[in-house]
Protein backbone atom coordinates (compact mmCIF):
# COMPACT_ATOMS: atom_id res chain seq x y z
CA UNK A 1 0.00 0.00 0.00
CA UNK A 2 1.33 3.43 -0.95
CA UNK A 3 1.23 6.10 1.74
CA UNK A 4 1.45 9.72 0.76
CA UNK A 5 3.57 11.77 3.11
CA UNK A 6 2.57 15.41 3.10
CA UNK A 7 5.55 17.74 3.36
CA UNK A 8 5.74 19.76 6.55
CA UNK A 9 4.26 23.26 6.41
CA UNK A 10 2.66 22.58 3.04
CA UNK A 11 0.00 25.03 2.08
CA UNK A 12 -3.36 23.64 0.99
CA UNK A 13 -4.00 23.65 -2.76
CA UNK A 14 -0.30 24.21 -3.51
CA UNK A 15 -0.31 21.84 -6.47
CA UNK A 16 -3.54 23.25 -7.87
CA UNK A 17 -2.26 26.83 -7.64
CA UNK A 18 1.01 25.79 -9.28
CA UNK A 19 -0.87 24.09 -12.15
CA UNK A 20 -2.98 27.22 -12.70
CA UNK A 21 0.14 29.40 -12.79
CA UNK A 22 1.72 27.13 -15.41
CA UNK A 23 -1.47 27.13 -17.52
CA UNK A 24 -1.70 30.93 -17.41
CA UNK A 25 1.98 31.34 -18.24
CA UNK A 26 1.55 29.05 -21.25
CA UNK A 27 -1.58 30.88 -22.45
CA UNK A 28 -4.06 28.10 -21.70
CA UNK A 29 -7.58 28.92 -20.56
CA UNK A 30 -8.08 25.68 -18.65
CA UNK A 31 -6.14 22.74 -17.31
CA UNK A 32 -5.81 19.56 -19.37
CA UNK A 33 -5.88 17.29 -16.32
CA UNK A 34 -9.02 18.84 -14.79
CA UNK A 35 -10.89 20.84 -17.45
CA UNK A 36 -13.71 23.20 -16.50
CA UNK A 37 -16.46 20.80 -17.57
CA UNK A 38 -15.14 18.10 -15.24
CA UNK A 39 -14.89 20.59 -12.39
CA UNK A 40 -18.51 21.69 -12.89
CA UNK A 41 -19.69 18.05 -13.00
CA UNK A 42 -17.80 17.28 -9.77
CA UNK A 43 -19.27 20.32 -8.01
CA UNK A 44 -22.76 19.20 -9.06
CA UNK A 45 -22.07 15.73 -7.70
CA UNK A 46 -20.81 17.16 -4.41
CA UNK A 47 -23.86 19.43 -4.12
CA UNK A 48 -26.15 16.43 -4.66
CA UNK A 49 -24.33 14.42 -1.96
CA UNK A 50 -24.64 17.34 0.49
CA UNK A 51 -28.32 17.79 -0.35
CA UNK A 52 -29.06 14.06 0.07
CA UNK A 53 -27.20 14.03 3.39
CA UNK A 54 -29.06 17.12 4.61
CA UNK A 55 -25.85 19.11 5.02
CA UNK A 56 -26.51 22.84 4.80
CA UNK A 57 -23.86 25.52 5.26
CA UNK A 58 -24.83 28.97 6.64
CA UNK A 59 -23.96 30.64 3.32
CA UNK A 60 -26.41 28.33 1.51
CA UNK A 61 -29.23 30.48 2.83
PDB file of N, CA and C in Angstrom:
ATOM      1  N   UNK A   1       0.843  -1.181   0.000  1.00  0.00           N
ATOM      2  CA  UNK A   1       0.000   0.000   0.000  1.00  0.00           C
ATOM      3  C   UNK A   1       0.886   1.240   0.000  1.00  0.00           C
ATOM      4  N   UNK A   2       0.576   2.184  -0.859  1.00  0.00           N
ATOM      5  CA  UNK A   2       1.326   3.434  -0.948  1.00  0.00           C
ATOM      6  C   UNK A   2       0.776   4.438   0.046  1.00  0.00           C
ATOM      7  N   UNK A   3       1.646   5.048   0.808  1.00  0.00           N
ATOM      8  CA  UNK A   3       1.228   6.095   1.743  1.00  0.00           C
ATOM      9  C   UNK A   3       1.836   7.411   1.284  1.00  0.00           C
ATOM     10  N   UNK A   4       0.995   8.396   1.127  1.00  0.00           N
ATOM     11  CA  UNK A   4       1.451   9.725   0.756  1.00  0.00           C
ATOM     12  C   UNK A   4       1.879  10.452   2.004  1.00  0.00           C
ATOM     13  N   UNK A   5       3.074  10.991   1.978  1.00  0.00           N
ATOM     14  CA  UNK A   5       3.567  11.769   3.110  1.00  0.00           C
ATOM     15  C   UNK A   5       3.558  13.236   2.731  1.00  0.00           C
ATOM     16  N   UNK A   6       2.699  13.985   3.380  1.00  0.00           N
ATOM     17  CA  UNK A   6       2.566  15.407   3.099  1.00  0.00           C
ATOM     18  C   UNK A   6       3.764  16.155   3.674  1.00  0.00           C
ATOM     19  N   UNK A   7       4.420  16.967   2.847  1.00  0.00           N
ATOM     20  CA  UNK A   7       5.548  17.743   3.357  1.00  0.00           C
ATOM     21  C   UNK A   7       5.124  18.654   4.517  1.00  0.00           C
ATOM     22  N   UNK A   8       6.033  18.863   5.426  1.00  0.00           N
ATOM     23  CA  UNK A   8       5.743  19.763   6.548  1.00  0.00           C
ATOM     24  C   UNK A   8       5.486  21.171   6.040  1.00  0.00           C
ATOM     25  N   UNK A   9       4.582  21.868   6.705  1.00  0.00           N
ATOM     26  CA  UNK A   9       4.260  23.263   6.410  1.00  0.00           C
ATOM     27  C   UNK A   9       3.787  23.471   4.976  1.00  0.00           C
ATOM     28  N   UNK A  10       3.172  22.455   4.409  1.00  0.00           N
ATOM     29  CA  UNK A  10       2.665  22.577   3.043  1.00  0.00           C
ATOM     30  C   UNK A  10       1.342  23.324   3.058  1.00  0.00           C
ATOM     31  N   UNK A  11       1.240  24.277   2.174  1.00  0.00           N
ATOM     32  CA  UNK A  11      -0.001  25.032   2.075  1.00  0.00           C
ATOM     33  C   UNK A  11      -1.027  24.225   1.303  1.00  0.00           C
ATOM     34  N   UNK A  12      -2.282  24.336   1.700  1.00  0.00           N
ATOM     35  CA  UNK A  12      -3.359  23.644   0.990  1.00  0.00           C
ATOM     36  C   UNK A  12      -3.446  24.164  -0.439  1.00  0.00           C
ATOM     37  N   UNK A  13      -3.806  23.320  -1.343  1.00  0.00           N
ATOM     38  CA  UNK A  13      -3.997  23.654  -2.758  1.00  0.00           C
ATOM     39  C   UNK A  13      -2.715  24.132  -3.447  1.00  0.00           C
ATOM     40  N   UNK A  14      -1.574  23.797  -2.903  1.00  0.00           N
ATOM     41  CA  UNK A  14      -0.301  24.206  -3.509  1.00  0.00           C
ATOM     42  C   UNK A  14      -0.185  23.711  -4.939  1.00  0.00           C
ATOM     43  N   UNK A  15      -0.472  22.425  -5.139  1.00  0.00           N
ATOM     44  CA  UNK A  15      -0.307  21.841  -6.472  1.00  0.00           C
ATOM     45  C   UNK A  15      -1.312  22.414  -7.461  1.00  0.00           C
ATOM     46  N   UNK A  16      -2.530  22.668  -6.998  1.00  0.00           N
ATOM     47  CA  UNK A  16      -3.545  23.254  -7.869  1.00  0.00           C
ATOM     48  C   UNK A  16      -3.145  24.669  -8.289  1.00  0.00           C
ATOM     49  N   UNK A  17      -2.671  25.455  -7.337  1.00  0.00           N
ATOM     50  CA  UNK A  17      -2.258  26.826  -7.645  1.00  0.00           C
ATOM     51  C   UNK A  17      -1.062  26.826  -8.593  1.00  0.00           C
ATOM     52  N   UNK A  18      -0.155  25.894  -8.402  1.00  0.00           N
ATOM     53  CA  UNK A  18       1.009  25.790  -9.277  1.00  0.00           C
ATOM     54  C   UNK A  18       0.572  25.425 -10.700  1.00  0.00           C
ATOM     55  N   UNK A  19      -0.369  24.496 -10.833  1.00  0.00           N
ATOM     56  CA  UNK A  19      -0.865  24.092 -12.151  1.00  0.00           C
ATOM     57  C   UNK A  19      -1.548  25.263 -12.858  1.00  0.00           C
ATOM     58  N   UNK A  20      -2.317  26.052 -12.119  1.00  0.00           N
ATOM     59  CA  UNK A  20      -2.982  27.223 -12.700  1.00  0.00           C
ATOM     60  C   UNK A  20      -1.937  28.226 -13.181  1.00  0.00           C
ATOM     61  N   UNK A  21      -0.908  28.455 -12.391  1.00  0.00           N
ATOM     62  CA  UNK A  21       0.142  29.401 -12.787  1.00  0.00           C
ATOM     63  C   UNK A  21       0.823  28.953 -14.074  1.00  0.00           C
ATOM     64  N   UNK A  22       1.090  27.657 -14.191  1.00  0.00           N
ATOM     65  CA  UNK A  22       1.717  27.129 -15.406  1.00  0.00           C
ATOM     66  C   UNK A  22       0.787  27.305 -16.599  1.00  0.00           C
ATOM     67  N   UNK A  23      -0.502  26.980 -16.428  1.00  0.00           N
ATOM     68  CA  UNK A  23      -1.470  27.131 -17.521  1.00  0.00           C
ATOM     69  C   UNK A  23      -1.554  28.579 -17.988  1.00  0.00           C
ATOM     70  N   UNK A  24      -1.620  29.510 -17.059  1.00  0.00           N
ATOM     71  CA  UNK A  24      -1.704  30.931 -17.411  1.00  0.00           C
ATOM     72  C   UNK A  24      -0.435  31.359 -18.135  1.00  0.00           C
ATOM     73  N   UNK A  25       0.709  30.960 -17.622  1.00  0.00           N
ATOM     74  CA  UNK A  25       1.982  31.341 -18.243  1.00  0.00           C
ATOM     75  C   UNK A  25       2.105  30.798 -19.663  1.00  0.00           C
ATOM     76  N   UNK A  26       1.480  29.662 -19.925  1.00  0.00           N
ATOM     77  CA  UNK A  26       1.546  29.053 -21.250  1.00  0.00           C
ATOM     78  C   UNK A  26       0.344  29.415 -22.123  1.00  0.00           C
ATOM     79  N   UNK A  27      -0.475  30.366 -21.650  1.00  0.00           N
ATOM     80  CA  UNK A  27      -1.577  30.879 -22.451  1.00  0.00           C
ATOM     81  C   UNK A  27      -2.796  29.980 -22.546  1.00  0.00           C
ATOM     82  N   UNK A  28      -2.900  28.990 -21.675  1.00  0.00           N
ATOM     83  CA  UNK A  28      -4.060  28.095 -21.698  1.00  0.00           C
ATOM     84  C   UNK A  28      -5.185  28.676 -20.842  1.00  0.00           C
ATOM     85  N   UNK A  29      -6.408  28.441 -21.289  1.00  0.00           N
ATOM     86  CA  UNK A  29      -7.575  28.922 -20.557  1.00  0.00           C
ATOM     87  C   UNK A  29      -8.120  27.934 -19.555  1.00  0.00           C
ATOM     88  N   UNK A  30      -7.669  26.683 -19.635  1.00  0.00           N
ATOM     89  CA  UNK A  30      -8.078  25.681 -18.651  1.00  0.00           C
ATOM     90  C   UNK A  30      -7.041  24.581 -18.595  1.00  0.00           C
ATOM     91  N   UNK A  31      -7.125  23.781 -17.565  1.00  0.00           N
ATOM     92  CA  UNK A  31      -6.139  22.736 -17.315  1.00  0.00           C
ATOM     93  C   UNK A  31      -6.526  21.456 -18.041  1.00  0.00           C
ATOM     94  N   UNK A  32      -5.549  20.788 -18.652  1.00  0.00           N
ATOM     95  CA  UNK A  32      -5.807  19.556 -19.374  1.00  0.00           C
ATOM     96  C   UNK A  32      -6.120  18.371 -18.476  1.00  0.00           C
ATOM     97  N   UNK A  33      -5.629  18.387 -17.246  1.00  0.00           N
ATOM     98  CA  UNK A  33      -5.881  17.286 -16.316  1.00  0.00           C
ATOM     99  C   UNK A  33      -7.281  17.400 -15.720  1.00  0.00           C
ATOM    100  N   UNK A  34      -7.698  18.617 -15.375  1.00  0.00           N
ATOM    101  CA  UNK A  34      -9.015  18.842 -14.789  1.00  0.00           C
ATOM    102  C   UNK A  34      -9.674  20.007 -15.513  1.00  0.00           C
ATOM    103  N   UNK A  35     -10.254  19.758 -16.688  1.00  0.00           N
ATOM    104  CA  UNK A  35     -10.889  20.838 -17.446  1.00  0.00           C
ATOM    105  C   UNK A  35     -12.143  21.360 -16.739  1.00  0.00           C
ATOM    106  N   UNK A  36     -12.579  22.542 -17.148  1.00  0.00           N
ATOM    107  CA  UNK A  36     -13.711  23.205 -16.501  1.00  0.00           C
ATOM    108  C   UNK A  36     -14.955  22.321 -16.455  1.00  0.00           C
ATOM    109  N   UNK A  37     -15.269  21.651 -17.544  1.00  0.00           N
ATOM    110  CA  UNK A  37     -16.463  20.800 -17.569  1.00  0.00           C
ATOM    111  C   UNK A  37     -16.438  19.728 -16.495  1.00  0.00           C
ATOM    112  N   UNK A  38     -15.273  19.122 -16.287  1.00  0.00           N
ATOM    113  CA  UNK A  38     -15.145  18.100 -15.245  1.00  0.00           C
ATOM    114  C   UNK A  38     -15.288  18.714 -13.855  1.00  0.00           C
ATOM    115  N   UNK A  39     -14.750  19.892 -13.668  1.00  0.00           N
ATOM    116  CA  UNK A  39     -14.886  20.590 -12.387  1.00  0.00           C
ATOM    117  C   UNK A  39     -16.352  20.882 -12.085  1.00  0.00           C
ATOM    118  N   UNK A  40     -17.084  21.380 -13.078  1.00  0.00           N
ATOM    119  CA  UNK A  40     -18.511  21.693 -12.887  1.00  0.00           C
ATOM    120  C   UNK A  40     -19.293  20.419 -12.582  1.00  0.00           C
ATOM    121  N   UNK A  41     -19.002  19.324 -13.282  1.00  0.00           N
ATOM    122  CA  UNK A  41     -19.688  18.050 -12.999  1.00  0.00           C
ATOM    123  C   UNK A  41     -19.398  17.585 -11.571  1.00  0.00           C
ATOM    124  N   UNK A  42     -18.155  17.708 -11.128  1.00  0.00           N
ATOM    125  CA  UNK A  42     -17.800  17.283  -9.774  1.00  0.00           C
ATOM    126  C   UNK A  42     -18.501  18.140  -8.718  1.00  0.00           C
ATOM    127  N   UNK A  43     -18.569  19.446  -8.956  1.00  0.00           N
ATOM    128  CA  UNK A  43     -19.270  20.321  -8.010  1.00  0.00           C
ATOM    129  C   UNK A  43     -20.755  19.963  -7.922  1.00  0.00           C
ATOM    130  N   UNK A  44     -21.354  19.632  -9.060  1.00  0.00           N
ATOM    131  CA  UNK A  44     -22.756  19.202  -9.060  1.00  0.00           C
ATOM    132  C   UNK A  44     -22.946  17.921  -8.269  1.00  0.00           C
ATOM    133  N   UNK A  45     -22.024  16.983  -8.451  1.00  0.00           N
ATOM    134  CA  UNK A  45     -22.075  15.734  -7.698  1.00  0.00           C
ATOM    135  C   UNK A  45     -21.952  16.000  -6.199  1.00  0.00           C
ATOM    136  N   UNK A  46     -21.010  16.850  -5.825  1.00  0.00           N
ATOM    137  CA  UNK A  46     -20.810  17.159  -4.407  1.00  0.00           C
ATOM    138  C   UNK A  46     -22.024  17.870  -3.815  1.00  0.00           C
ATOM    139  N   UNK A  47     -22.642  18.765  -4.576  1.00  0.00           N
ATOM    140  CA  UNK A  47     -23.864  19.434  -4.115  1.00  0.00           C
ATOM    141  C   UNK A  47     -24.985  18.427  -3.893  1.00  0.00           C
ATOM    142  N   UNK A  48     -25.113  17.452  -4.799  1.00  0.00           N
ATOM    143  CA  UNK A  48     -26.153  16.431  -4.656  1.00  0.00           C
ATOM    144  C   UNK A  48     -25.921  15.576  -3.412  1.00  0.00           C
ATOM    145  N   UNK A  49     -24.661  15.218  -3.159  1.00  0.00           N
ATOM    146  CA  UNK A  49     -24.334  14.423  -1.964  1.00  0.00           C
ATOM    147  C   UNK A  49     -24.675  15.217  -0.709  1.00  0.00           C
ATOM    148  N   UNK A  50     -24.303  16.498  -0.679  1.00  0.00           N
ATOM    149  CA  UNK A  50     -24.636  17.344   0.486  1.00  0.00           C
ATOM    150  C   UNK A  50     -26.142  17.433   0.667  1.00  0.00           C
ATOM    151  N   UNK A  51     -26.862  17.659  -0.419  1.00  0.00           N
ATOM    152  CA  UNK A  51     -28.324  17.789  -0.349  1.00  0.00           C
ATOM    153  C   UNK A  51     -28.944  16.491   0.181  1.00  0.00           C
ATOM    154  N   UNK A  52     -28.514  15.349  -0.360  1.00  0.00           N
ATOM    155  CA  UNK A  52     -29.056  14.058   0.069  1.00  0.00           C
ATOM    156  C   UNK A  52     -28.736  13.752   1.529  1.00  0.00           C
ATOM    157  N   UNK A  53     -27.601  14.253   1.995  1.00  0.00           N
ATOM    158  CA  UNK A  53     -27.197  14.027   3.390  1.00  0.00           C
ATOM    159  C   UNK A  53     -27.819  15.053   4.340  1.00  0.00           C
ATOM    160  N   UNK A  54     -28.459  16.077   3.777  1.00  0.00           N
ATOM    161  CA  UNK A  54     -29.058  17.118   4.611  1.00  0.00           C
ATOM    162  C   UNK A  54     -28.062  18.110   5.159  1.00  0.00           C
ATOM    163  N   UNK A  55     -26.895  18.187   4.570  1.00  0.00           N
ATOM    164  CA  UNK A  55     -25.855  19.108   5.020  1.00  0.00           C
ATOM    165  C   UNK A  55     -26.091  20.479   4.409  1.00  0.00           C
ATOM    166  N   UNK A  56     -26.274  21.471   5.256  1.00  0.00           N
ATOM    167  CA  UNK A  56     -26.509  22.842   4.802  1.00  0.00           C
ATOM    168  C   UNK A  56     -25.510  23.749   5.497  1.00  0.00           C
ATOM    169  N   UNK A  57     -24.791  24.548   4.706  1.00  0.00           N
ATOM    170  CA  UNK A  57     -23.859  25.519   5.257  1.00  0.00           C
ATOM    171  C   UNK A  57     -24.589  26.857   5.435  1.00  0.00           C
ATOM    172  N   UNK A  58     -24.161  27.691   6.402  1.00  0.00           N
ATOM    173  CA  UNK A  58     -24.827  28.972   6.644  1.00  0.00           C
ATOM    174  C   UNK A  58     -24.938  29.838   5.374  1.00  0.00           C
ATOM    175  N   UNK A  59     -23.925  29.811   4.530  1.00  0.00           N
ATOM    176  CA  UNK A  59     -23.960  30.637   3.324  1.00  0.00           C
ATOM    177  C   UNK A  59     -24.932  30.107   2.264  1.00  0.00           C
ATOM    178  N   UNK A  60     -25.455  28.879   2.456  1.00  0.00           N
ATOM    179  CA  UNK A  60     -26.412  28.328   1.513  1.00  0.00           C
ATOM    180  C   UNK A  60     -27.765  29.021   1.602  1.00  0.00           C
ATOM    181  N   UNK A  61     -27.994  29.714   2.690  1.00  0.00           N
ATOM    182  CA  UNK A  61     -29.232  30.477   2.835  1.00  0.00           C
ATOM    183  C   UNK A  61     -30.350  29.678   3.245  1.00  0.00           C
TER     184      UNK A  61
END
